[in-house]
């Protein structure tokens, strides 16, 4: 993206434009209500004025390296220079990180660097970020690896004071999650599981990050 010029503080009534990047869980694959966790979280914060708009760009099975290669172009295509300039649009980016790095054999060090590249790029553009980590798998071995990956992602975010939701910590061993994912045709949740992720996101400061609730 081109360098973004200094702009006014968004108007309190500005539309909030969420640009969401992530994998199949961001898209809500397997959710009979087709809302996923992001749709549920946004609906909870939307309010009567309905000023939150979501522009998603999800790709199944995406690694952090692939996300690091595409984030700039996908954000650019959903960004309004005019809205930034006149303060009518408050742009924000949500990253829904998956666990594809594990299957692809991406090292933890490289995963960290990939996320850092994205977050530092967003910082240069002065676009606030909110990061949701990978969810646990039905396979205990994969979940153990997800724990390590999520911890690495969380550290990258903590160093930059960017909110991070560790879903693997919040969901592993949760009876409803375990039952939901066990009955899913794929290694992803159904309605119950997506509702649980949304709950974690909402209690992870999503509303205060958006400025819609405290």
C-alpha atoms as a PDB file:
ATOM      1  CA  UNK A   1       0.000   0.000   0.000  1.00  0.00           C
ATOM      2  CA  UNK A   2       1.025   3.592  -0.498  1.00  0.00           C
ATOM      3  CA  UNK A   3       1.933   5.713   2.487  1.00  0.00           C
ATOM      4  CA  UNK A   4      -1.229   6.956   4.140  1.00  0.00           C
ATOM      5  CA  UNK A   5      -1.180  10.710   4.824  1.00  0.00           C
ATOM      6  CA  UNK A   6      -1.980  12.187   8.196  1.00  0.00           C
ATOM      7  CA  UNK A   7      -5.738  12.119   8.648  1.00  0.00           C
ATOM      8  CA  UNK A   8      -8.307  13.464  11.106  1.00  0.00           C
ATOM      9  CA  UNK A   9      -9.496  11.400  14.032  1.00  0.00           C
ATOM     10  CA  UNK A  10     -12.560   9.431  12.867  1.00  0.00           C
ATOM     11  CA  UNK A  11     -15.875  11.052  13.705  1.00  0.00           C
ATOM     12  CA  UNK A  12     -17.617   9.375  16.682  1.00  0.00           C
ATOM     13  CA  UNK A  13     -20.375   8.442  14.258  1.00  0.00           C
ATOM     14  CA  UNK A  14     -17.995   7.142  11.587  1.00  0.00           C
ATOM     15  CA  UNK A  15     -18.645   3.771  10.033  1.00  0.00           C
ATOM     16  CA  UNK A  16     -16.340   1.083  11.360  1.00  0.00           C
ATOM     17  CA  UNK A  17     -14.904  -0.938   8.499  1.00  0.00           C
ATOM     18  CA  UNK A  18     -13.482  -4.270   9.602  1.00  0.00           C
ATOM     19  CA  UNK A  19     -11.159  -5.838   7.068  1.00  0.00           C
ATOM     20  CA  UNK A  20     -10.907  -9.480   8.116  1.00  0.00           C
ATOM     21  CA  UNK A  21      -8.197 -11.850   6.914  1.00  0.00           C
ATOM     22  CA  UNK A  22      -7.869 -15.500   7.860  1.00  0.00           C
ATOM     23  CA  UNK A  23      -8.585 -19.128   7.035  1.00  0.00           C
ATOM     24  CA  UNK A  24     -11.713 -21.292   6.824  1.00  0.00           C
ATOM     25  CA  UNK A  25     -12.724 -20.671  10.452  1.00  0.00           C
ATOM     26  CA  UNK A  26     -12.946 -16.966   9.681  1.00  0.00           C
ATOM     27  CA  UNK A  27     -15.377 -17.910   6.893  1.00  0.00           C
ATOM     28  CA  UNK A  28     -17.466 -19.999   9.305  1.00  0.00           C
ATOM     29  CA  UNK A  29     -17.042 -23.308   7.488  1.00  0.00           C
ATOM     30  CA  UNK A  30     -19.361 -25.887   9.035  1.00  0.00           C
ATOM     31  CA  UNK A  31     -21.635 -23.331  10.696  1.00  0.00           C
ATOM     32  CA  UNK A  32     -25.271 -24.054   9.825  1.00  0.00           C
ATOM     33  CA  UNK A  33     -26.112 -20.414  10.552  1.00  0.00           C
ATOM     34  CA  UNK A  34     -23.299 -19.201   8.240  1.00  0.00           C
ATOM     35  CA  UNK A  35     -22.159 -16.625  10.795  1.00  0.00           C
ATOM     36  CA  UNK A  36     -18.889 -18.035  12.090  1.00  0.00           C
ATOM     37  CA  UNK A  37     -17.277 -16.464  15.136  1.00  0.00           C
ATOM     38  CA  UNK A  38     -16.744 -13.094  13.494  1.00  0.00           C
ATOM     39  CA  UNK A  39     -20.366 -12.674  12.474  1.00  0.00           C
ATOM     40  CA  UNK A  40     -21.523 -13.511  15.993  1.00  0.00           C
ATOM     41  CA  UNK A  41     -19.023 -11.142  17.626  1.00  0.00           C
ATOM     42  CA  UNK A  42     -19.885  -8.273  15.301  1.00  0.00           C
ATOM     43  CA  UNK A  43     -23.628  -8.835  15.772  1.00  0.00           C
ATOM     44  CA  UNK A  44     -23.133  -8.555  19.522  1.00  0.00           C
ATOM     45  CA  UNK A  45     -21.387  -5.179  19.132  1.00  0.00           C
ATOM     46  CA  UNK A  46     -23.407  -3.799  16.223  1.00  0.00           C
ATOM     47  CA  UNK A  47     -25.972  -1.772  18.147  1.00  0.00           C
ATOM     48  CA  UNK A  48     -29.082  -0.039  16.832  1.00  0.00           C
ATOM     49  CA  UNK A  49     -27.121   2.263  14.503  1.00  0.00           C
ATOM     50  CA  UNK A  50     -25.579  -0.729  12.684  1.00  0.00           C
ATOM     51  CA  UNK A  51     -22.413   1.137  11.722  1.00  0.00           C
ATOM     52  CA  UNK A  52     -20.032  -1.823  11.557  1.00  0.00           C
ATOM     53  CA  UNK A  53     -19.259  -3.142   8.081  1.00  0.00           C
ATOM     54  CA  UNK A  54     -17.260  -6.344   7.555  1.00  0.00           C
ATOM     55  CA  UNK A  55     -15.207  -7.038   4.452  1.00  0.00           C
ATOM     56  CA  UNK A  56     -13.754 -10.542   4.728  1.00  0.00           C
ATOM     57  CA  UNK A  57     -11.045 -12.248   2.715  1.00  0.00           C
ATOM     58  CA  UNK A  58     -10.712 -15.847   3.892  1.00  0.00           C
ATOM     59  CA  UNK A  59      -8.608 -18.548   2.255  1.00  0.00           C
ATOM     60  CA  UNK A  60      -8.811 -22.220   3.324  1.00  0.00           C
ATOM     61  CA  UNK A  61      -5.673 -23.850   4.665  1.00  0.00           C
ATOM     62  CA  UNK A  62      -3.630 -20.668   4.521  1.00  0.00           C
ATOM     63  CA  UNK A  63      -0.234 -20.540   6.236  1.00  0.00           C
ATOM     64  CA  UNK A  64       1.142 -17.460   7.947  1.00  0.00           C
ATOM     65  CA  UNK A  65       3.640 -17.133   5.088  1.00  0.00           C
ATOM     66  CA  UNK A  66       0.836 -17.010   2.532  1.00  0.00           C
ATOM     67  CA  UNK A  67      -1.051 -14.483   4.648  1.00  0.00           C
ATOM     68  CA  UNK A  68       2.084 -12.355   4.954  1.00  0.00           C
ATOM     69  CA  UNK A  69       2.371 -12.312   1.164  1.00  0.00           C
ATOM     70  CA  UNK A  70      -1.210 -11.227   0.495  1.00  0.00           C
ATOM     71  CA  UNK A  71      -2.329  -9.061   3.402  1.00  0.00           C
ATOM     72  CA  UNK A  72      -1.169  -5.777   1.892  1.00  0.00           C
ATOM     73  CA  UNK A  73      -3.062  -6.172  -1.371  1.00  0.00           C
ATOM     74  CA  UNK A  74      -6.227  -7.459   0.297  1.00  0.00           C
ATOM     75  CA  UNK A  75      -6.277  -4.590   2.778  1.00  0.00           C
ATOM     76  CA  UNK A  76      -5.604  -2.070   0.015  1.00  0.00           C
ATOM     77  CA  UNK A  77      -8.554  -3.316  -2.037  1.00  0.00           C
ATOM     78  CA  UNK A  78     -10.901  -2.838   0.914  1.00  0.00           C
ATOM     79  CA  UNK A  79      -9.500   0.464   2.150  1.00  0.00           C
ATOM     80  CA  UNK A  80     -11.190   3.800   1.484  1.00  0.00           C
ATOM     81  CA  UNK A  81      -8.688   6.637   1.081  1.00  0.00           C
ATOM     82  CA  UNK A  82     -11.561   9.115   0.969  1.00  0.00           C
ATOM     83  CA  UNK A  83     -13.083   7.693   4.132  1.00  0.00           C
ATOM     84  CA  UNK A  84      -9.745   7.909   5.916  1.00  0.00           C
ATOM     85  CA  UNK A  85      -9.187  11.479   4.707  1.00  0.00           C
ATOM     86  CA  UNK A  86     -12.528  12.889   5.844  1.00  0.00           C
ATOM     87  CA  UNK A  87     -12.842  10.757   8.981  1.00  0.00           C
ATOM     88  CA  UNK A  88     -16.054   9.073   7.850  1.00  0.00           C
ATOM     89  CA  UNK A  89     -14.595   5.548   7.974  1.00  0.00           C
ATOM     90  CA  UNK A  90     -12.640   4.018  10.853  1.00  0.00           C
ATOM     91  CA  UNK A  91     -10.615   1.169   9.345  1.00  0.00           C
ATOM     92  CA  UNK A  92      -9.607  -1.848  11.431  1.00  0.00           C
ATOM     93  CA  UNK A  93      -8.100  -5.246  10.641  1.00  0.00           C
ATOM     94  CA  UNK A  94      -9.016  -8.560  12.251  1.00  0.00           C
ATOM     95  CA  UNK A  95      -6.633 -11.471  11.708  1.00  0.00           C
ATOM     96  CA  UNK A  96      -8.016 -14.973  12.232  1.00  0.00           C
ATOM     97  CA  UNK A  97      -4.896 -17.142  12.318  1.00  0.00           C
ATOM     98  CA  UNK A  98      -5.155 -20.848  11.517  1.00  0.00           C
ATOM     99  CA  UNK A  99      -3.037 -23.902  12.228  1.00  0.00           C
ATOM    100  CA  UNK A 100      -1.861 -24.609   8.656  1.00  0.00           C
ATOM    101  CA  UNK A 101       1.716 -23.754   9.633  1.00  0.00           C
ATOM    102  CA  UNK A 102       1.844 -27.009  11.587  1.00  0.00           C
ATOM    103  CA  UNK A 103       0.930 -29.289   8.699  1.00  0.00           C
ATOM    104  CA  UNK A 104       3.125 -27.263   6.323  1.00  0.00           C
ATOM    105  CA  UNK A 105       6.150 -27.652   8.602  1.00  0.00           C
ATOM    106  CA  UNK A 106       6.667 -23.911   9.097  1.00  0.00           C
ATOM    107  CA  UNK A 107       9.008 -23.305  12.027  1.00  0.00           C
ATOM    108  CA  UNK A 108       7.832 -21.315  15.040  1.00  0.00           C
ATOM    109  CA  UNK A 109      10.498 -18.718  14.329  1.00  0.00           C
ATOM    110  CA  UNK A 110       9.235 -18.257  10.788  1.00  0.00           C
ATOM    111  CA  UNK A 111       5.604 -18.121  11.965  1.00  0.00           C
ATOM    112  CA  UNK A 112       6.574 -15.360  14.372  1.00  0.00           C
ATOM    113  CA  UNK A 113       8.347 -13.404  11.647  1.00  0.00           C
ATOM    114  CA  UNK A 114       5.399 -13.734   9.296  1.00  0.00           C
ATOM    115  CA  UNK A 115       2.956 -12.340  11.847  1.00  0.00           C
ATOM    116  CA  UNK A 116       5.403  -9.594  12.827  1.00  0.00           C
ATOM    117  CA  UNK A 117       5.675  -8.554   9.180  1.00  0.00           C
ATOM    118  CA  UNK A 118       1.904  -8.150   8.931  1.00  0.00           C
ATOM    119  CA  UNK A 119       1.487  -6.310  12.226  1.00  0.00           C
ATOM    120  CA  UNK A 120       4.402  -3.961  11.587  1.00  0.00           C
ATOM    121  CA  UNK A 121       2.968  -3.189   8.155  1.00  0.00           C
ATOM    122  CA  UNK A 122      -0.412  -2.363   9.662  1.00  0.00           C
ATOM    123  CA  UNK A 123       1.282  -0.191  12.278  1.00  0.00           C
ATOM    124  CA  UNK A 124       3.024   1.812   9.557  1.00  0.00           C
ATOM    125  CA  UNK A 125      -0.379   2.365   7.957  1.00  0.00           C
ATOM    126  CA  UNK A 126      -1.880   3.266  11.340  1.00  0.00           C
ATOM    127  CA  UNK A 127      -4.574   0.597  11.072  1.00  0.00           C
ATOM    128  CA  UNK A 128      -5.434  -1.037  14.433  1.00  0.00           C
ATOM    129  CA  UNK A 129      -5.240  -4.834  14.514  1.00  0.00           C
ATOM    130  CA  UNK A 130      -7.020  -7.494  16.555  1.00  0.00           C
ATOM    131  CA  UNK A 131      -5.660 -11.040  16.378  1.00  0.00           C
ATOM    132  CA  UNK A 132      -7.476 -14.312  17.065  1.00  0.00           C
ATOM    133  CA  UNK A 133      -5.281 -17.380  17.389  1.00  0.00           C
ATOM    134  CA  UNK A 134      -5.721 -20.892  15.992  1.00  0.00           C
ATOM    135  CA  UNK A 135      -8.317 -23.204  17.508  1.00  0.00           C
ATOM    136  CA  UNK A 136      -7.605 -26.653  18.961  1.00  0.00           C
ATOM    137  CA  UNK A 137      -7.969 -29.768  16.839  1.00  0.00           C
ATOM    138  CA  UNK A 138      -9.823 -32.992  17.542  1.00  0.00           C
ATOM    139  CA  UNK A 139      -6.365 -34.614  17.420  1.00  0.00           C
ATOM    140  CA  UNK A 140      -4.507 -34.193  20.750  1.00  0.00           C
ATOM    141  CA  UNK A 141      -1.096 -34.193  19.053  1.00  0.00           C
ATOM    142  CA  UNK A 142      -2.096 -31.395  16.719  1.00  0.00           C
ATOM    143  CA  UNK A 143      -3.584 -29.449  19.610  1.00  0.00           C
ATOM    144  CA  UNK A 144      -0.286 -29.672  21.499  1.00  0.00           C
ATOM    145  CA  UNK A 145       1.463 -28.150  18.482  1.00  0.00           C
ATOM    146  CA  UNK A 146      -1.246 -25.489  18.223  1.00  0.00           C
ATOM    147  CA  UNK A 147      -0.522 -24.508  21.823  1.00  0.00           C
ATOM    148  CA  UNK A 148       3.095 -23.773  20.926  1.00  0.00           C
ATOM    149  CA  UNK A 149       2.105 -21.910  17.774  1.00  0.00           C
ATOM    150  CA  UNK A 150      -0.472 -19.834  19.624  1.00  0.00           C
ATOM    151  CA  UNK A 151       2.035 -18.936  22.336  1.00  0.00           C
ATOM    152  CA  UNK A 152       4.445 -17.723  19.667  1.00  0.00           C
ATOM    153  CA  UNK A 153       1.739 -15.605  18.037  1.00  0.00           C
ATOM    154  CA  UNK A 154       0.682 -14.217  21.413  1.00  0.00           C
ATOM    155  CA  UNK A 155       4.233 -13.124  22.215  1.00  0.00           C
ATOM    156  CA  UNK A 156       4.509 -11.269  18.897  1.00  0.00           C
ATOM    157  CA  UNK A 157       1.276  -9.426  19.685  1.00  0.00           C
ATOM    158  CA  UNK A 158       2.208  -8.716  23.308  1.00  0.00           C
ATOM    159  CA  UNK A 159       5.457  -7.054  22.232  1.00  0.00           C
ATOM    160  CA  UNK A 160       3.386  -4.697  20.082  1.00  0.00           C
ATOM    161  CA  UNK A 161       0.529  -4.250  22.584  1.00  0.00           C
ATOM    162  CA  UNK A 162      -1.935  -5.707  20.129  1.00  0.00           C
ATOM    163  CA  UNK A 163      -4.926  -7.643  21.515  1.00  0.00           C
ATOM    164  CA  UNK A 164      -4.668 -11.395  21.072  1.00  0.00           C
ATOM    165  CA  UNK A 165      -7.252 -14.083  21.827  1.00  0.00           C
ATOM    166  CA  UNK A 166      -5.734 -17.478  22.651  1.00  0.00           C
ATOM    167  CA  UNK A 167      -8.577 -19.786  21.628  1.00  0.00           C
ATOM    168  CA  UNK A 168      -6.645 -23.000  22.178  1.00  0.00           C
ATOM    169  CA  UNK A 169      -6.175 -22.159  25.847  1.00  0.00           C
ATOM    170  CA  UNK A 170      -9.820 -21.253  26.256  1.00  0.00           C
ATOM    171  CA  UNK A 171     -11.294 -24.209  24.370  1.00  0.00           C
ATOM    172  CA  UNK A 172      -9.092 -27.246  25.015  1.00  0.00           C
ATOM    173  CA  UNK A 173     -10.935 -29.539  27.395  1.00  0.00           C
ATOM    174  CA  UNK A 174     -14.161 -27.545  27.177  1.00  0.00           C
ATOM    175  CA  UNK A 175     -16.951 -30.129  27.079  1.00  0.00           C
ATOM    176  CA  UNK A 176     -19.134 -28.285  24.591  1.00  0.00           C
ATOM    177  CA  UNK A 177     -16.222 -27.592  22.259  1.00  0.00           C
ATOM    178  CA  UNK A 178     -14.950 -31.153  22.404  1.00  0.00           C
ATOM    179  CA  UNK A 179     -18.421 -32.538  21.683  1.00  0.00           C
ATOM    180  CA  UNK A 180     -19.053 -30.087  18.853  1.00  0.00           C
ATOM    181  CA  UNK A 181     -15.797 -30.702  17.024  1.00  0.00           C
ATOM    182  CA  UNK A 182     -16.074 -34.479  17.539  1.00  0.00           C
ATOM    183  CA  UNK A 183     -19.374 -34.465  15.650  1.00  0.00           C
ATOM    184  CA  UNK A 184     -18.185 -32.172  12.856  1.00  0.00           C
ATOM    185  CA  UNK A 185     -17.526 -33.742   9.431  1.00  0.00           C
ATOM    186  CA  UNK A 186     -14.228 -31.854   9.346  1.00  0.00           C
ATOM    187  CA  UNK A 187     -11.703 -30.679  11.913  1.00  0.00           C
ATOM    188  CA  UNK A 188     -13.657 -27.502  12.532  1.00  0.00           C
ATOM    189  CA  UNK A 189     -16.534 -26.515  14.824  1.00  0.00           C
ATOM    190  CA  UNK A 190     -20.256 -26.229  14.259  1.00  0.00           C
ATOM    191  CA  UNK A 191     -22.668 -23.677  15.686  1.00  0.00           C
ATOM    192  CA  UNK A 192     -21.745 -24.348  19.303  1.00  0.00           C
ATOM    193  CA  UNK A 193     -18.019 -24.120  18.688  1.00  0.00           C
ATOM    194  CA  UNK A 194     -18.247 -20.890  16.741  1.00  0.00           C
ATOM    195  CA  UNK A 195     -20.384 -19.454  19.518  1.00  0.00           C
ATOM    196  CA  UNK A 196     -17.672 -20.340  22.029  1.00  0.00           C
ATOM    197  CA  UNK A 197     -14.961 -18.692  19.924  1.00  0.00           C
ATOM    198  CA  UNK A 198     -17.132 -15.577  19.631  1.00  0.00           C
ATOM    199  CA  UNK A 199     -17.552 -15.564  23.422  1.00  0.00           C
ATOM    200  CA  UNK A 200     -13.779 -15.638  23.864  1.00  0.00           C
ATOM    201  CA  UNK A 201     -13.344 -12.841  21.331  1.00  0.00           C
ATOM    202  CA  UNK A 202     -15.958 -10.664  23.031  1.00  0.00           C
ATOM    203  CA  UNK A 203     -14.379 -11.279  26.439  1.00  0.00           C
ATOM    204  CA  UNK A 204     -10.956 -10.637  24.924  1.00  0.00           C
ATOM    205  CA  UNK A 205     -11.675  -6.946  24.490  1.00  0.00           C
ATOM    206  CA  UNK A 206     -13.278  -6.878  21.041  1.00  0.00           C
ATOM    207  CA  UNK A 207     -15.845  -4.248  22.003  1.00  0.00           C
ATOM    208  CA  UNK A 208     -13.348  -1.920  23.672  1.00  0.00           C
ATOM    209  CA  UNK A 209     -11.010  -2.326  20.670  1.00  0.00           C
ATOM    210  CA  UNK A 210     -13.849  -1.300  18.350  1.00  0.00           C
ATOM    211  CA  UNK A 211     -14.922   1.466  20.702  1.00  0.00           C
ATOM    212  CA  UNK A 212     -18.466   0.115  20.795  1.00  0.00           C
ATOM    213  CA  UNK A 213     -18.448  -1.046  24.416  1.00  0.00           C
ATOM    214  CA  UNK A 214     -16.208  -0.884  27.456  1.00  0.00           C
END
